[in-house]
Amino acid sequence: MPPKQKFTKGQIVTAALEITRREGFSAVTARGLGGKLGVSSRPIFTAFKNMDEVKRDTILAARALYNSYIEKALAEEIPFKSVGLQYFQFAENEPELFKLLFMTADNALTLTDVLPVIDDNSEKILVSIQKPYGLSQEHAYMLYQNMFVFTYGLACLCATGVSRLSEEEVNARLTEVFAGLLIKLKSEEAGND
């Protein structure tokens, strides 16, 4: 008969998220989890087969938290701008989770391929650009890519502690870059390039 589960998967994942937030994802070990939960590492393996499963579920939990930021943004009056602000907010509030989700990679991807791979919300975000700004899908995706690169840079500066920016500064910079890109893309669509 297998040993009785002392902790649920959810409790273990919550502990793994707390460790990640404090020390980074590399600190999520069986010994570290046991210490956080006040037990040996044995109870972890009554809930999970191995540490790979723990880490997978921890990443899924971090992604769910990130998705809640984006869902909030998509419900705002100006969704695409709010997405950029919430992305930055996530990096500021959860720097280690941001690093886990957006600053580690198994494979190098092209810029065209990266957005759908790293963000489950990419289709919804694309719709939030295409319809309100009257852009073709191609130009909406181009705007999305370029704004992502810019926003990612600001978020990385914040998540790594290299620079601190106020929400007002981020808002102003995102607006300026967005306006310039939108003018350029609208001009291209009108055939004035």
C-alpha atoms as a PDB file:
ATOM      1  CA  MET A   1       0.000   0.000   0.000  1.00  0.00           C
ATOM      2  CA  PRO A   2       1.470   3.400  -0.977  1.00  0.00           C
ATOM      3  CA  PRO A   3       2.143   5.888   1.825  1.00  0.00           C
ATOM      4  CA  LYS A   4      -0.625   8.327   2.686  1.00  0.00           C
ATOM      5  CA  GLN A   5      -0.220  11.720   1.042  1.00  0.00           C
ATOM      6  CA  LYS A   6       0.754  14.332   3.627  1.00  0.00           C
ATOM      7  CA  PHE A   7       0.562  17.303   1.245  1.00  0.00           C
ATOM      8  CA  THR A   8      -1.547  17.874  -1.838  1.00  0.00           C
ATOM      9  CA  LYS A   9       0.017  18.645  -5.195  1.00  0.00           C
ATOM     10  CA  GLY A  10      -1.363  22.161  -4.857  1.00  0.00           C
ATOM     11  CA  GLN A  11       0.359  22.720  -1.522  1.00  0.00           C
ATOM     12  CA  ILE A  12       3.646  21.468  -2.918  1.00  0.00           C
ATOM     13  CA  VAL A  13       3.359  23.660  -6.012  1.00  0.00           C
ATOM     14  CA  THR A  14       2.505  26.666  -3.831  1.00  0.00           C
ATOM     15  CA  ALA A  15       5.659  25.996  -1.825  1.00  0.00           C
ATOM     16  CA  ALA A  16       7.664  25.658  -5.065  1.00  0.00           C
ATOM     17  CA  LEU A  17       6.296  29.017  -6.271  1.00  0.00           C
ATOM     18  CA  GLU A  18       7.295  30.643  -2.975  1.00  0.00           C
ATOM     19  CA  ILE A  19      10.801  29.218  -3.263  1.00  0.00           C
ATOM     20  CA  THR A  20      11.035  30.424  -6.863  1.00  0.00           C
ATOM     21  CA  ARG A  21       9.877  33.900  -5.894  1.00  0.00           C
ATOM     22  CA  ARG A  22      12.475  34.120  -3.126  1.00  0.00           C
ATOM     23  CA  GLU A  23      15.466  32.246  -4.534  1.00  0.00           C
ATOM     24  CA  GLY A  24      14.814  31.508  -8.216  1.00  0.00           C
ATOM     25  CA  PHE A  25      13.635  28.370  -9.980  1.00  0.00           C
ATOM     26  CA  SER A  26      16.960  26.560  -9.599  1.00  0.00           C
ATOM     27  CA  ALA A  27      16.318  26.451  -5.836  1.00  0.00           C
ATOM     28  CA  VAL A  28      13.257  24.245  -6.343  1.00  0.00           C
ATOM     29  CA  THR A  29      14.701  20.934  -5.185  1.00  0.00           C
ATOM     30  CA  ALA A  30      13.264  18.044  -3.212  1.00  0.00           C
ATOM     31  CA  ARG A  31      15.342  19.046  -0.215  1.00  0.00           C
ATOM     32  CA  GLY A  32      14.329  22.713  -0.565  1.00  0.00           C
ATOM     33  CA  LEU A  33      10.641  21.810  -0.821  1.00  0.00           C
ATOM     34  CA  GLY A  34      10.907  19.507   2.179  1.00  0.00           C
ATOM     35  CA  GLY A  35      12.516  22.302   4.163  1.00  0.00           C
ATOM     36  CA  LYS A  36       9.820  24.771   3.115  1.00  0.00           C
ATOM     37  CA  LEU A  37       7.089  22.299   4.095  1.00  0.00           C
ATOM     38  CA  GLY A  38       8.855  21.277   7.320  1.00  0.00           C
ATOM     39  CA  VAL A  39       9.282  17.632   6.324  1.00  0.00           C
ATOM     40  CA  SER A  40      11.774  15.392   4.566  1.00  0.00           C
ATOM     41  CA  SER A  41      11.631  15.200   0.786  1.00  0.00           C
ATOM     42  CA  ARG A  42       9.731  11.886   0.954  1.00  0.00           C
ATOM     43  CA  PRO A  43       6.159  13.365   1.067  1.00  0.00           C
ATOM     44  CA  ILE A  44       6.848  15.201  -2.195  1.00  0.00           C
ATOM     45  CA  PHE A  45       7.256  11.892  -3.966  1.00  0.00           C
ATOM     46  CA  THR A  46       3.964  10.540  -2.676  1.00  0.00           C
ATOM     47  CA  ALA A  47       2.225  13.341  -4.578  1.00  0.00           C
ATOM     48  CA  PHE A  48       4.568  13.496  -7.601  1.00  0.00           C
ATOM     49  CA  LYS A  49       6.537  10.825  -9.443  1.00  0.00           C
ATOM     50  CA  ASN A  50       9.651  12.987  -9.685  1.00  0.00           C
ATOM     51  CA  MET A  51      10.976  16.543  -9.556  1.00  0.00           C
ATOM     52  CA  ASP A  52      10.341  17.029 -13.275  1.00  0.00           C
ATOM     53  CA  GLU A  53       6.604  16.772 -12.548  1.00  0.00           C
ATOM     54  CA  VAL A  54       6.917  19.245  -9.667  1.00  0.00           C
ATOM     55  CA  LYS A  55       8.775  21.692 -11.893  1.00  0.00           C
ATOM     56  CA  ARG A  56       6.304  21.254 -14.755  1.00  0.00           C
ATOM     57  CA  ASP A  57       3.353  22.003 -12.450  1.00  0.00           C
ATOM     58  CA  THR A  58       5.222  24.951 -10.935  1.00  0.00           C
ATOM     59  CA  ILE A  59       5.739  26.433 -14.404  1.00  0.00           C
ATOM     60  CA  LEU A  60       2.049  25.868 -15.181  1.00  0.00           C
ATOM     61  CA  ALA A  61       1.098  27.660 -11.949  1.00  0.00           C
ATOM     62  CA  ALA A  62       3.419  30.575 -12.793  1.00  0.00           C
ATOM     63  CA  ARG A  63       1.874  30.745 -16.267  1.00  0.00           C
ATOM     64  CA  ALA A  64      -1.642  30.748 -14.782  1.00  0.00           C
ATOM     65  CA  LEU A  65      -0.677  33.694 -12.595  1.00  0.00           C
ATOM     66  CA  TYR A  66       0.767  35.525 -15.618  1.00  0.00           C
ATOM     67  CA  ASN A  67      -2.381  34.724 -17.621  1.00  0.00           C
ATOM     68  CA  SER A  68      -4.489  36.371 -14.904  1.00  0.00           C
ATOM     69  CA  TYR A  69      -2.552  39.607 -15.486  1.00  0.00           C
ATOM     70  CA  ILE A  70      -3.204  39.420 -19.238  1.00  0.00           C
ATOM     71  CA  GLU A  71      -6.884  38.503 -18.846  1.00  0.00           C
ATOM     72  CA  LYS A  72      -7.279  41.593 -16.659  1.00  0.00           C
ATOM     73  CA  ALA A  73      -5.620  43.691 -19.367  1.00  0.00           C
ATOM     74  CA  LEU A  74      -7.771  42.285 -22.162  1.00  0.00           C
ATOM     75  CA  ALA A  75     -10.887  43.378 -20.249  1.00  0.00           C
ATOM     76  CA  GLU A  76      -9.719  47.012 -20.127  1.00  0.00           C
ATOM     77  CA  GLU A  77     -10.945  49.830 -22.380  1.00  0.00           C
ATOM     78  CA  ILE A  78      -7.698  49.887 -24.395  1.00  0.00           C
ATOM     79  CA  PRO A  79      -6.717  46.210 -24.194  1.00  0.00           C
ATOM     80  CA  PHE A  80      -3.450  46.192 -26.147  1.00  0.00           C
ATOM     81  CA  LYS A  81      -1.945  49.048 -24.157  1.00  0.00           C
ATOM     82  CA  SER A  82      -3.111  47.406 -20.951  1.00  0.00           C
ATOM     83  CA  VAL A  83      -1.424  44.149 -22.031  1.00  0.00           C
ATOM     84  CA  GLY A  84       1.914  45.962 -22.231  1.00  0.00           C
ATOM     85  CA  LEU A  85       1.395  47.594 -18.861  1.00  0.00           C
ATOM     86  CA  GLN A  86       0.338  44.313 -17.220  1.00  0.00           C
ATOM     87  CA  TYR A  87       3.289  42.475 -18.779  1.00  0.00           C
ATOM     88  CA  PHE A  88       5.590  45.065 -17.235  1.00  0.00           C
ATOM     89  CA  GLN A  89       3.662  44.880 -13.939  1.00  0.00           C
ATOM     90  CA  PHE A  90       4.133  41.108 -13.856  1.00  0.00           C
ATOM     91  CA  ALA A  91       7.906  41.559 -14.337  1.00  0.00           C
ATOM     92  CA  GLU A  92       7.973  44.139 -11.554  1.00  0.00           C
ATOM     93  CA  ASN A  93       5.781  42.205  -9.099  1.00  0.00           C
ATOM     94  CA  GLU A  94       7.096  38.725  -9.878  1.00  0.00           C
ATOM     95  CA  PRO A  95      10.673  39.095 -11.181  1.00  0.00           C
ATOM     96  CA  GLU A  96      11.683  35.476 -10.582  1.00  0.00           C
ATOM     97  CA  LEU A  97       8.500  34.121 -12.163  1.00  0.00           C
ATOM     98  CA  PHE A  98       9.047  36.497 -15.105  1.00  0.00           C
ATOM     99  CA  LYS A  99      12.585  35.142 -15.503  1.00  0.00           C
ATOM    100  CA  LEU A 100      11.256  31.585 -15.340  1.00  0.00           C
ATOM    101  CA  LEU A 101       8.609  32.153 -18.013  1.00  0.00           C
ATOM    102  CA  PHE A 102      10.308  34.634 -20.314  1.00  0.00           C
ATOM    103  CA  MET A 103      14.056  34.574 -19.768  1.00  0.00           C
ATOM    104  CA  THR A 104      14.785  30.884 -20.148  1.00  0.00           C
ATOM    105  CA  ALA A 105      14.476  28.803 -23.286  1.00  0.00           C
ATOM    106  CA  ASP A 106      15.051  25.270 -24.436  1.00  0.00           C
ATOM    107  CA  ASN A 107      15.259  26.217 -28.102  1.00  0.00           C
ATOM    108  CA  ALA A 108      15.996  29.425 -29.921  1.00  0.00           C
ATOM    109  CA  LEU A 109      12.954  30.551 -31.895  1.00  0.00           C
ATOM    110  CA  THR A 110      12.541  33.102 -34.644  1.00  0.00           C
ATOM    111  CA  LEU A 111      10.777  36.301 -33.660  1.00  0.00           C
ATOM    112  CA  THR A 112       7.820  35.239 -35.788  1.00  0.00           C
ATOM    113  CA  ASP A 113       7.473  31.985 -33.851  1.00  0.00           C
ATOM    114  CA  VAL A 114       8.221  33.182 -30.333  1.00  0.00           C
ATOM    115  CA  LEU A 115       4.963  34.924 -29.366  1.00  0.00           C
ATOM    116  CA  PRO A 116       2.577  31.974 -29.732  1.00  0.00           C
ATOM    117  CA  VAL A 117       5.090  29.705 -27.989  1.00  0.00           C
ATOM    118  CA  ILE A 118       5.734  31.855 -24.921  1.00  0.00           C
ATOM    119  CA  ASP A 119       2.296  33.415 -24.509  1.00  0.00           C
ATOM    120  CA  ASP A 120      -0.936  31.413 -24.463  1.00  0.00           C
ATOM    121  CA  ASN A 121      -2.782  34.699 -24.957  1.00  0.00           C
ATOM    122  CA  SER A 122      -1.155  35.663 -28.266  1.00  0.00           C
ATOM    123  CA  GLU A 123      -4.278  35.114 -30.406  1.00  0.00           C
ATOM    124  CA  LYS A 124      -6.454  37.210 -28.073  1.00  0.00           C
ATOM    125  CA  ILE A 125      -3.796  39.921 -27.968  1.00  0.00           C
ATOM    126  CA  LEU A 126      -3.588  39.953 -31.767  1.00  0.00           C
ATOM    127  CA  VAL A 127      -7.376  40.426 -32.000  1.00  0.00           C
ATOM    128  CA  SER A 128      -7.096  43.325 -29.524  1.00  0.00           C
ATOM    129  CA  ILE A 129      -4.848  45.066 -32.069  1.00  0.00           C
ATOM    130  CA  GLN A 130      -6.313  44.121 -35.422  1.00  0.00           C
ATOM    131  CA  LYS A 131      -9.933  45.182 -34.968  1.00  0.00           C
ATOM    132  CA  PRO A 132      -9.638  48.460 -33.018  1.00  0.00           C
ATOM    133  CA  TYR A 133      -6.823  49.847 -35.155  1.00  0.00           C
ATOM    134  CA  GLY A 134      -8.109  48.581 -38.501  1.00  0.00           C
ATOM    135  CA  LEU A 135      -4.930  46.712 -39.393  1.00  0.00           C
ATOM    136  CA  SER A 136      -4.528  43.660 -41.569  1.00  0.00           C
ATOM    137  CA  GLN A 137      -3.512  40.524 -39.715  1.00  0.00           C
ATOM    138  CA  GLU A 138       0.026  40.860 -41.110  1.00  0.00           C
ATOM    139  CA  HIS A 139       0.439  44.449 -39.925  1.00  0.00           C
ATOM    140  CA  ALA A 140      -1.253  43.744 -36.587  1.00  0.00           C
ATOM    141  CA  TYR A 141       1.221  40.924 -35.987  1.00  0.00           C
ATOM    142  CA  MET A 142       4.119  43.179 -36.981  1.00  0.00           C
ATOM    143  CA  LEU A 143       2.916  45.791 -34.478  1.00  0.00           C
ATOM    144  CA  TYR A 144       2.531  43.103 -31.826  1.00  0.00           C
ATOM    145  CA  GLN A 145       6.049  41.754 -32.451  1.00  0.00           C
ATOM    146  CA  ASN A 146       7.691  45.168 -32.316  1.00  0.00           C
ATOM    147  CA  MET A 147       5.799  46.259 -29.222  1.00  0.00           C
ATOM    148  CA  PHE A 148       6.622  42.944 -27.582  1.00  0.00           C
ATOM    149  CA  VAL A 149      10.345  43.441 -28.209  1.00  0.00           C
ATOM    150  CA  PHE A 150      10.202  46.948 -26.730  1.00  0.00           C
ATOM    151  CA  THR A 151       8.065  45.937 -23.743  1.00  0.00           C
ATOM    152  CA  TYR A 152      10.187  42.851 -23.148  1.00  0.00           C
ATOM    153  CA  GLY A 153      13.276  45.031 -22.954  1.00  0.00           C
ATOM    154  CA  LEU A 154      11.694  47.316 -20.358  1.00  0.00           C
ATOM    155  CA  ALA A 155      10.398  44.333 -18.378  1.00  0.00           C
ATOM    156  CA  CYS A 156      13.827  42.635 -18.398  1.00  0.00           C
ATOM    157  CA  LEU A 157      15.454  45.819 -17.117  1.00  0.00           C
ATOM    158  CA  CYS A 158      12.992  45.772 -14.242  1.00  0.00           C
ATOM    159  CA  ALA A 159      13.019  42.011 -13.516  1.00  0.00           C
ATOM    160  CA  THR A 160      16.815  41.900 -13.358  1.00  0.00           C
ATOM    161  CA  GLY A 161      17.040  45.023 -11.199  1.00  0.00           C
ATOM    162  CA  VAL A 162      19.072  46.925 -13.799  1.00  0.00           C
ATOM    163  CA  SER A 163      16.567  49.787 -13.878  1.00  0.00           C
ATOM    164  CA  ARG A 164      13.407  50.895 -12.132  1.00  0.00           C
ATOM    165  CA  LEU A 165      10.712  52.652 -14.111  1.00  0.00           C
ATOM    166  CA  SER A 166       7.514  54.168 -12.812  1.00  0.00           C
ATOM    167  CA  GLU A 167       4.188  53.147 -14.314  1.00  0.00           C
ATOM    168  CA  GLU A 168       3.958  56.657 -15.775  1.00  0.00           C
ATOM    169  CA  GLU A 169       7.343  56.283 -17.515  1.00  0.00           C
ATOM    170  CA  VAL A 170       6.396  52.894 -18.922  1.00  0.00           C
ATOM    171  CA  ASN A 171       3.015  54.209 -20.046  1.00  0.00           C
ATOM    172  CA  ALA A 172       4.600  57.201 -21.807  1.00  0.00           C
ATOM    173  CA  ARG A 173       7.258  55.097 -23.552  1.00  0.00           C
ATOM    174  CA  LEU A 174       4.782  52.445 -24.694  1.00  0.00           C
ATOM    175  CA  THR A 175       2.452  55.139 -26.036  1.00  0.00           C
ATOM    176  CA  GLU A 176       5.248  56.884 -27.942  1.00  0.00           C
ATOM    177  CA  VAL A 177       6.582  53.722 -29.579  1.00  0.00           C
ATOM    178  CA  PHE A 178       3.079  52.409 -30.315  1.00  0.00           C
ATOM    179  CA  ALA A 179       2.013  55.675 -31.964  1.00  0.00           C
ATOM    180  CA  GLY A 180       5.100  55.731 -34.196  1.00  0.00           C
ATOM    181  CA  LEU A 181       4.658  52.122 -35.255  1.00  0.00           C
ATOM    182  CA  LEU A 182       0.932  52.552 -35.857  1.00  0.00           C
ATOM    183  CA  ILE A 183       1.521  55.587 -38.102  1.00  0.00           C
ATOM    184  CA  LYS A 184       4.138  53.664 -40.091  1.00  0.00           C
ATOM    185  CA  LEU A 185       1.957  50.571 -40.528  1.00  0.00           C
ATOM    186  CA  LYS A 186      -1.180  52.545 -41.404  1.00  0.00           C
ATOM    187  CA  SER A 187       0.877  54.384 -44.018  1.00  0.00           C
ATOM    188  CA  GLU A 188       2.080  51.093 -45.470  1.00  0.00           C
ATOM    189  CA  GLU A 189      -1.476  49.800 -45.643  1.00  0.00           C
ATOM    190  CA  ALA A 190      -2.543  52.956 -47.446  1.00  0.00           C
ATOM    191  CA  GLY A 191       0.293  52.405 -49.927  1.00  0.00           C
ATOM    192  CA  ASN A 192       2.271  55.480 -48.867  1.00  0.00           C
ATOM    193  CA  ASP A 193       5.486  53.710 -47.891  1.00  0.00           C
END
